[in-house]
Amino acid sequence: MENDGNLTEADRKKIDRLLQSEENNKEDSRVSIGIRNVNRRLKIIYGEECGLTITNEQEKSTISTLVVKMQQENKKSQ
């Protein structure tokens, strides 16, 4: 998902803290807890290499990316 808004340095630090921390912080608002929960659930379901990232694209827009691991089905030819 892409948003034409820009992250402030304070936003960037808060997002980094939410994505890296497993503990709940009283400073985190209810909305921010959603970021942590989505990231945590993706890691639980798809593995530690998967998750949520939020970045600035050339300081013009904010991009949220979900990384998931796809499983390939084994198909037997008959």
PDB file of N, CA and C in Angstrom:
ATOM      1  N   MET A   1       0.846  -1.158   0.000  1.00  0.00           N
ATOM      2  CA  MET A   1       0.000   0.000   0.000  1.00  0.00           C
ATOM      3  C   MET A   1       0.899   1.231   0.000  1.00  0.00           C
ATOM      4  N   GLU A   2       0.522   2.225  -0.759  1.00  0.00           N
ATOM      5  CA  GLU A   2       1.305   3.459  -0.830  1.00  0.00           C
ATOM      6  C   GLU A   2       0.434   4.635  -0.410  1.00  0.00           C
ATOM      7  N   ASN A   3       1.028   5.558   0.332  1.00  0.00           N
ATOM      8  CA  ASN A   3       0.356   6.743   0.828  1.00  0.00           C
ATOM      9  C   ASN A   3       1.223   7.927   0.432  1.00  0.00           C
ATOM     10  N   ASP A   4       0.617   9.008  -0.059  1.00  0.00           N
ATOM     11  CA  ASP A   4       1.413  10.155  -0.489  1.00  0.00           C
ATOM     12  C   ASP A   4       1.897  11.019   0.668  1.00  0.00           C
ATOM     13  N   GLY A   5       1.617  10.613   1.888  1.00  0.00           N
ATOM     14  CA  GLY A   5       2.132  11.321   3.058  1.00  0.00           C
ATOM     15  C   GLY A   5       3.571  10.940   3.328  1.00  0.00           C
ATOM     16  N   ASN A   6       4.258  11.745   4.091  1.00  0.00           N
ATOM     17  CA  ASN A   6       5.656  11.510   4.418  1.00  0.00           C
ATOM     18  C   ASN A   6       5.787  11.213   5.905  1.00  0.00           C
ATOM     19  N   LEU A   7       6.686  10.305   6.264  1.00  0.00           N
ATOM     20  CA  LEU A   7       6.935  10.011   7.672  1.00  0.00           C
ATOM     21  C   LEU A   7       7.876  11.055   8.260  1.00  0.00           C
ATOM     22  N   THR A   8       7.541  11.526   9.435  1.00  0.00           N
ATOM     23  CA  THR A   8       8.465  12.395  10.159  1.00  0.00           C
ATOM     24  C   THR A   8       9.504  11.513  10.835  1.00  0.00           C
ATOM     25  N   GLU A   9      10.554  12.079  11.326  1.00  0.00           N
ATOM     26  CA  GLU A   9      11.574  11.310  12.047  1.00  0.00           C
ATOM     27  C   GLU A   9      10.971  10.667  13.296  1.00  0.00           C
ATOM     28  N   ALA A  10      10.071  11.374  13.964  1.00  0.00           N
ATOM     29  CA  ALA A  10       9.394  10.803  15.139  1.00  0.00           C
ATOM     30  C   ALA A  10       8.532   9.605  14.751  1.00  0.00           C
ATOM     31  N   ASP A  11       7.810   9.719  13.627  1.00  0.00           N
ATOM     32  CA  ASP A  11       7.015   8.592  13.118  1.00  0.00           C
ATOM     33  C   ASP A  11       7.909   7.399  12.821  1.00  0.00           C
ATOM     34  N   ARG A  12       9.017   7.640  12.142  1.00  0.00           N
ATOM     35  CA  ARG A  12       9.960   6.582  11.760  1.00  0.00           C
ATOM     36  C   ARG A  12      10.473   5.843  12.997  1.00  0.00           C
ATOM     37  N   LYS A  13      10.852   6.590  14.030  1.00  0.00           N
ATOM     38  CA  LYS A  13      11.360   5.978  15.264  1.00  0.00           C
ATOM     39  C   LYS A  13      10.281   5.152  15.953  1.00  0.00           C
ATOM     40  N   LYS A  14       9.061   5.666  15.983  1.00  0.00           N
ATOM     41  CA  LYS A  14       7.962   4.949  16.626  1.00  0.00           C
ATOM     42  C   LYS A  14       7.655   3.656  15.878  1.00  0.00           C
ATOM     43  N   ILE A  15       7.605   3.713  14.554  1.00  0.00           N
ATOM     44  CA  ILE A  15       7.341   2.517  13.745  1.00  0.00           C
ATOM     45  C   ILE A  15       8.453   1.498  13.932  1.00  0.00           C
ATOM     46  N   ASP A  16       9.701   1.943  13.901  1.00  0.00           N
ATOM     47  CA  ASP A  16      10.827   1.024  14.116  1.00  0.00           C
ATOM     48  C   ASP A  16      10.716   0.339  15.475  1.00  0.00           C
ATOM     49  N   ARG A  17      10.359   1.100  16.493  1.00  0.00           N
ATOM     50  CA  ARG A  17      10.214   0.537  17.845  1.00  0.00           C
ATOM     51  C   ARG A  17       9.082  -0.495  17.865  1.00  0.00           C
ATOM     52  N   LEU A  18       7.974  -0.189  17.214  1.00  0.00           N
ATOM     53  CA  LEU A  18       6.837  -1.110  17.191  1.00  0.00           C
ATOM     54  C   LEU A  18       7.158  -2.401  16.448  1.00  0.00           C
ATOM     55  N   LEU A  19       7.894  -2.305  15.350  1.00  0.00           N
ATOM     56  CA  LEU A  19       8.202  -3.480  14.550  1.00  0.00           C
ATOM     57  C   LEU A  19       9.308  -4.335  15.163  1.00  0.00           C
ATOM     58  N   GLN A  20      10.142  -3.758  16.014  1.00  0.00           N
ATOM     59  CA  GLN A  20      11.254  -4.504  16.602  1.00  0.00           C
ATOM     60  C   GLN A  20      10.957  -5.007  18.010  1.00  0.00           C
ATOM     61  N   SER A  21      10.008  -4.401  18.678  1.00  0.00           N
ATOM     62  CA  SER A  21       9.756  -4.715  20.083  1.00  0.00           C
ATOM     63  C   SER A  21       8.597  -5.684  20.235  1.00  0.00           C
ATOM     64  N   GLU A  22       8.736  -6.607  21.169  1.00  0.00           N
ATOM     65  CA  GLU A  22       7.655  -7.536  21.494  1.00  0.00           C
ATOM     66  C   GLU A  22       6.865  -7.043  22.706  1.00  0.00           C
ATOM     67  N   GLU A  23       7.406  -6.099  23.422  1.00  0.00           N
ATOM     68  CA  GLU A  23       6.730  -5.642  24.635  1.00  0.00           C
ATOM     69  C   GLU A  23       5.787  -4.485  24.342  1.00  0.00           C
ATOM     70  N   ASN A  24       4.740  -4.381  25.130  1.00  0.00           N
ATOM     71  CA  ASN A  24       3.804  -3.266  25.002  1.00  0.00           C
ATOM     72  C   ASN A  24       4.352  -2.076  25.760  1.00  0.00           C
ATOM     73  N   ASN A  25       4.263  -0.911  25.149  1.00  0.00           N
ATOM     74  CA  ASN A  25       4.757   0.320  25.739  1.00  0.00           C
ATOM     75  C   ASN A  25       3.568   1.237  25.978  1.00  0.00           C
ATOM     76  N   LYS A  26       3.520   1.870  27.151  1.00  0.00           N
ATOM     77  CA  LYS A  26       2.396   2.743  27.477  1.00  0.00           C
ATOM     78  C   LYS A  26       2.284   3.931  26.525  1.00  0.00           C
ATOM     79  N   GLU A  27       3.386   4.286  25.872  1.00  0.00           N
ATOM     80  CA  GLU A  27       3.370   5.404  24.920  1.00  0.00           C
ATOM     81  C   GLU A  27       2.640   5.044  23.632  1.00  0.00           C
ATOM     82  N   ASP A  28       2.544   3.751  23.336  1.00  0.00           N
ATOM     83  CA  ASP A  28       1.914   3.308  22.091  1.00  0.00           C
ATOM     84  C   ASP A  28       0.405   3.470  22.189  1.00  0.00           C
ATOM     85  N   SER A  29      -0.172   4.066  21.147  1.00  0.00           N
ATOM     86  CA  SER A  29      -1.620   4.225  21.121  1.00  0.00           C
ATOM     87  C   SER A  29      -2.263   2.941  20.608  1.00  0.00           C
ATOM     88  N   ARG A  30      -3.580   2.848  20.716  1.00  0.00           N
ATOM     89  CA  ARG A  30      -4.289   1.659  20.234  1.00  0.00           C
ATOM     90  C   ARG A  30      -4.054   1.432  18.747  1.00  0.00           C
ATOM     91  N   VAL A  31      -4.010   2.480  17.964  1.00  0.00           N
ATOM     92  CA  VAL A  31      -3.780   2.355  16.526  1.00  0.00           C
ATOM     93  C   VAL A  31      -2.395   1.766  16.268  1.00  0.00           C
ATOM     94  N   SER A  32      -1.405   2.216  16.989  1.00  0.00           N
ATOM     95  CA  SER A  32      -0.040   1.736  16.802  1.00  0.00           C
ATOM     96  C   SER A  32       0.109   0.271  17.171  1.00  0.00           C
ATOM     97  N   ILE A  33      -0.655  -0.189  18.115  1.00  0.00           N
ATOM     98  CA  ILE A  33      -0.582  -1.588  18.518  1.00  0.00           C
ATOM     99  C   ILE A  33      -0.958  -2.475  17.337  1.00  0.00           C
ATOM    100  N   GLY A  34      -1.817  -2.002  16.435  1.00  0.00           N
ATOM    101  CA  GLY A  34      -2.177  -2.753  15.235  1.00  0.00           C
ATOM    102  C   GLY A  34      -0.964  -3.042  14.372  1.00  0.00           C
ATOM    103  N   ILE A  35      -0.046  -2.099  14.248  1.00  0.00           N
ATOM    104  CA  ILE A  35       1.178  -2.299  13.483  1.00  0.00           C
ATOM    105  C   ILE A  35       1.966  -3.458  14.085  1.00  0.00           C
ATOM    106  N   ARG A  36       2.138  -3.440  15.389  1.00  0.00           N
ATOM    107  CA  ARG A  36       2.882  -4.508  16.074  1.00  0.00           C
ATOM    108  C   ARG A  36       2.173  -5.851  15.909  1.00  0.00           C
ATOM    109  N   ASN A  37       0.847  -5.864  16.057  1.00  0.00           N
ATOM    110  CA  ASN A  37       0.099  -7.121  15.972  1.00  0.00           C
ATOM    111  C   ASN A  37       0.152  -7.735  14.579  1.00  0.00           C
ATOM    112  N   VAL A  38       0.017  -6.913  13.533  1.00  0.00           N
ATOM    113  CA  VAL A  38       0.092  -7.429  12.164  1.00  0.00           C
ATOM    114  C   VAL A  38       1.467  -8.042  11.927  1.00  0.00           C
ATOM    115  N   ASN A  39       2.511  -7.345  12.308  1.00  0.00           N
ATOM    116  CA  ASN A  39       3.867  -7.842  12.125  1.00  0.00           C
ATOM    117  C   ASN A  39       4.074  -9.157  12.889  1.00  0.00           C
ATOM    118  N   ARG A  40       3.639  -9.198  14.119  1.00  0.00           N
ATOM    119  CA  ARG A  40       3.789 -10.386  14.965  1.00  0.00           C
ATOM    120  C   ARG A  40       3.041 -11.581  14.377  1.00  0.00           C
ATOM    121  N   ARG A  41       1.812 -11.369  13.921  1.00  0.00           N
ATOM    122  CA  ARG A  41       1.013 -12.470  13.358  1.00  0.00           C
ATOM    123  C   ARG A  41       1.605 -13.004  12.058  1.00  0.00           C
ATOM    124  N   LEU A  42       2.115 -12.113  11.208  1.00  0.00           N
ATOM    125  CA  LEU A  42       2.758 -12.569   9.976  1.00  0.00           C
ATOM    126  C   LEU A  42       3.958 -13.458  10.286  1.00  0.00           C
ATOM    127  N   LYS A  43       4.737 -13.087  11.295  1.00  0.00           N
ATOM    128  CA  LYS A  43       5.903 -13.883  11.685  1.00  0.00           C
ATOM    129  C   LYS A  43       5.480 -15.236  12.255  1.00  0.00           C
ATOM    130  N   ILE A  44       4.420 -15.254  13.031  1.00  0.00           N
ATOM    131  CA  ILE A  44       3.931 -16.509  13.607  1.00  0.00           C
ATOM    132  C   ILE A  44       3.435 -17.442  12.510  1.00  0.00           C
ATOM    133  N   ILE A  45       2.666 -16.929  11.572  1.00  0.00           N
ATOM    134  CA  ILE A  45       2.055 -17.758  10.528  1.00  0.00           C
ATOM    135  C   ILE A  45       3.061 -18.161   9.453  1.00  0.00           C
ATOM    136  N   TYR A  46       3.886 -17.221   8.987  1.00  0.00           N
ATOM    137  CA  TYR A  46       4.737 -17.468   7.823  1.00  0.00           C
ATOM    138  C   TYR A  46       6.218 -17.623   8.142  1.00  0.00           C
ATOM    139  N   GLY A  47       6.638 -17.314   9.355  1.00  0.00           N
ATOM    140  CA  GLY A  47       8.044 -17.455   9.734  1.00  0.00           C
ATOM    141  C   GLY A  47       8.705 -16.111   9.995  1.00  0.00           C
ATOM    142  N   GLU A  48       9.826 -16.172  10.669  1.00  0.00           N
ATOM    143  CA  GLU A  48      10.533 -14.958  11.103  1.00  0.00           C
ATOM    144  C   GLU A  48      11.015 -14.074   9.959  1.00  0.00           C
ATOM    145  N   GLU A  49      11.246 -14.646   8.777  1.00  0.00           N
ATOM    146  CA  GLU A  49      11.719 -13.835   7.646  1.00  0.00           C
ATOM    147  C   GLU A  49      10.596 -13.008   7.015  1.00  0.00           C
ATOM    148  N   CYS A  50       9.381 -13.242   7.440  1.00  0.00           N
ATOM    149  CA  CYS A  50       8.225 -12.517   6.914  1.00  0.00           C
ATOM    150  C   CYS A  50       7.809 -11.419   7.890  1.00  0.00           C
ATOM    151  N   GLY A  51       6.937 -10.518   7.439  1.00  0.00           N
ATOM    152  CA  GLY A  51       6.458  -9.476   8.331  1.00  0.00           C
ATOM    153  C   GLY A  51       6.058  -8.210   7.594  1.00  0.00           C
ATOM    154  N   LEU A  52       5.931  -7.149   8.346  1.00  0.00           N
ATOM    155  CA  LEU A  52       5.497  -5.847   7.862  1.00  0.00           C
ATOM    156  C   LEU A  52       6.679  -4.892   7.833  1.00  0.00           C
ATOM    157  N   THR A  53       6.805  -4.131   6.759  1.00  0.00           N
ATOM    158  CA  THR A  53       7.775  -3.039   6.713  1.00  0.00           C
ATOM    159  C   THR A  53       7.051  -1.766   6.285  1.00  0.00           C
ATOM    160  N   ILE A  54       7.507  -0.654   6.816  1.00  0.00           N
ATOM    161  CA  ILE A  54       6.950   0.651   6.457  1.00  0.00           C
ATOM    162  C   ILE A  54       8.137   1.560   6.151  1.00  0.00           C
ATOM    163  N   THR A  55       8.184   2.073   4.925  1.00  0.00           N
ATOM    164  CA  THR A  55       9.321   2.867   4.484  1.00  0.00           C
ATOM    165  C   THR A  55       8.870   4.127   3.767  1.00  0.00           C
ATOM    166  N   ASN A  56       9.800   5.070   3.625  1.00  0.00           N
ATOM    167  CA  ASN A  56       9.595   6.260   2.801  1.00  0.00           C
ATOM    168  C   ASN A  56      10.230   6.020   1.447  1.00  0.00           C
ATOM    169  N   GLU A  57       9.523   6.327   0.394  1.00  0.00           N
ATOM    170  CA  GLU A  57      10.043   6.194  -0.960  1.00  0.00           C
ATOM    171  C   GLU A  57      10.489   7.576  -1.424  1.00  0.00           C
ATOM    172  N   GLN A  58      11.780   7.803  -1.451  1.00  0.00           N
ATOM    173  CA  GLN A  58      12.372   9.074  -1.883  1.00  0.00           C
ATOM    174  C   GLN A  58      11.741  10.262  -1.172  1.00  0.00           C
ATOM    175  N   GLU A  59      11.412  10.087   0.094  1.00  0.00           N
ATOM    176  CA  GLU A  59      10.861  11.159   0.933  1.00  0.00           C
ATOM    177  C   GLU A  59       9.584  11.777   0.369  1.00  0.00           C
ATOM    178  N   LYS A  60       8.887  11.045  -0.524  1.00  0.00           N
ATOM    179  CA  LYS A  60       7.666  11.578  -1.116  1.00  0.00           C
ATOM    180  C   LYS A  60       6.422  10.826  -0.688  1.00  0.00           C
ATOM    181  N   SER A  61       6.576   9.565  -0.356  1.00  0.00           N
ATOM    182  CA  SER A  61       5.420   8.762   0.007  1.00  0.00           C
ATOM    183  C   SER A  61       5.821   7.692   1.016  1.00  0.00           C
ATOM    184  N   THR A  62       4.831   7.157   1.688  1.00  0.00           N
ATOM    185  CA  THR A  62       5.038   6.107   2.665  1.00  0.00           C
ATOM    186  C   THR A  62       4.494   4.808   2.079  1.00  0.00           C
ATOM    187  N   ILE A  63       5.305   3.746   2.137  1.00  0.00           N
ATOM    188  CA  ILE A  63       4.910   2.460   1.567  1.00  0.00           C
ATOM    189  C   ILE A  63       4.906   1.397   2.656  1.00  0.00           C
ATOM    190  N   SER A  64       3.759   0.711   2.792  1.00  0.00           N
ATOM    191  CA  SER A  64       3.630  -0.415   3.718  1.00  0.00           C
ATOM    192  C   SER A  64       3.688  -1.691   2.890  1.00  0.00           C
ATOM    193  N   THR A  65       4.542  -2.616   3.300  1.00  0.00           N
ATOM    194  CA  THR A  65       4.733  -3.860   2.564  1.00  0.00           C
ATOM    195  C   THR A  65       4.557  -5.047   3.495  1.00  0.00           C
ATOM    196  N   LEU A  66       3.752  -6.016   3.056  1.00  0.00           N
ATOM    197  CA  LEU A  66       3.598  -7.276   3.778  1.00  0.00           C
ATOM    198  C   LEU A  66       4.422  -8.326   3.052  1.00  0.00           C
ATOM    199  N   VAL A  67       5.333  -8.969   3.760  1.00  0.00           N
ATOM    200  CA  VAL A  67       6.158 -10.021   3.175  1.00  0.00           C
ATOM    201  C   VAL A  67       5.675 -11.349   3.732  1.00  0.00           C
ATOM    202  N   VAL A  68       5.237 -12.236   2.819  1.00  0.00           N
ATOM    203  CA  VAL A  68       4.783 -13.569   3.220  1.00  0.00           C
ATOM    204  C   VAL A  68       5.470 -14.610   2.348  1.00  0.00           C
ATOM    205  N   LYS A  69       5.617 -15.783   2.889  1.00  0.00           N
ATOM    206  CA  LYS A  69       6.257 -16.886   2.194  1.00  0.00           C
ATOM    207  C   LYS A  69       5.170 -17.732   1.540  1.00  0.00           C
ATOM    208  N   MET A  70       5.305 -17.944   0.253  1.00  0.00           N
ATOM    209  CA  MET A  70       4.336 -18.755  -0.483  1.00  0.00           C
ATOM    210  C   MET A  70       4.766 -20.213  -0.432  1.00  0.00           C
ATOM    211  N   GLN A  71       3.802 -21.091  -0.240  1.00  0.00           N
ATOM    212  CA  GLN A  71       4.086 -22.514  -0.235  1.00  0.00           C
ATOM    213  C   GLN A  71       3.690 -23.097  -1.576  1.00  0.00           C
ATOM    214  N   GLN A  72       4.565 -23.901  -2.141  1.00  0.00           N
ATOM    215  CA  GLN A  72       4.290 -24.529  -3.420  1.00  0.00           C
ATOM    216  C   GLN A  72       3.728 -25.927  -3.160  1.00  0.00           C
ATOM    217  N   GLU A  73       2.613 -26.209  -3.805  1.00  0.00           N
ATOM    218  CA  GLU A  73       1.999 -27.519  -3.648  1.00  0.00           C
ATOM    219  C   GLU A  73       2.736 -28.538  -4.497  1.00  0.00           C
ATOM    220  N   ASN A  74       2.918 -29.720  -3.928  1.00  0.00           N
ATOM    221  CA  ASN A  74       3.499 -30.817  -4.690  1.00  0.00           C
ATOM    222  C   ASN A  74       2.413 -31.459  -5.520  1.00  0.00           C
ATOM    223  N   LYS A  75       2.560 -31.427  -6.816  1.00  0.00           N
ATOM    224  CA  LYS A  75       1.584 -32.047  -7.704  1.00  0.00           C
ATOM    225  C   LYS A  75       2.219 -33.268  -8.359  1.00  0.00           C
ATOM    226  N   LYS A  76       1.593 -34.394  -8.198  1.00  0.00           N
ATOM    227  CA  LYS A  76       2.095 -35.625  -8.801  1.00  0.00           C
ATOM    228  C   LYS A  76       1.502 -35.761 -10.195  1.00  0.00           C
ATOM    229  N   SER A  77       2.365 -36.007 -11.158  1.00  0.00           N
ATOM    230  CA  SER A  77       1.861 -36.227 -12.520  1.00  0.00           C
ATOM    231  C   SER A  77       1.417 -37.671 -12.670  1.00  0.00           C
ATOM    232  N   GLN A  78       0.319 -37.864 -13.353  1.00  0.00           N
ATOM    233  CA  GLN A  78      -0.224 -39.217 -13.529  1.00  0.00           C
ATOM    234  C   GLN A  78      -0.253 -39.582 -14.963  1.00  0.00           C
TER     235      GLN A  78
END
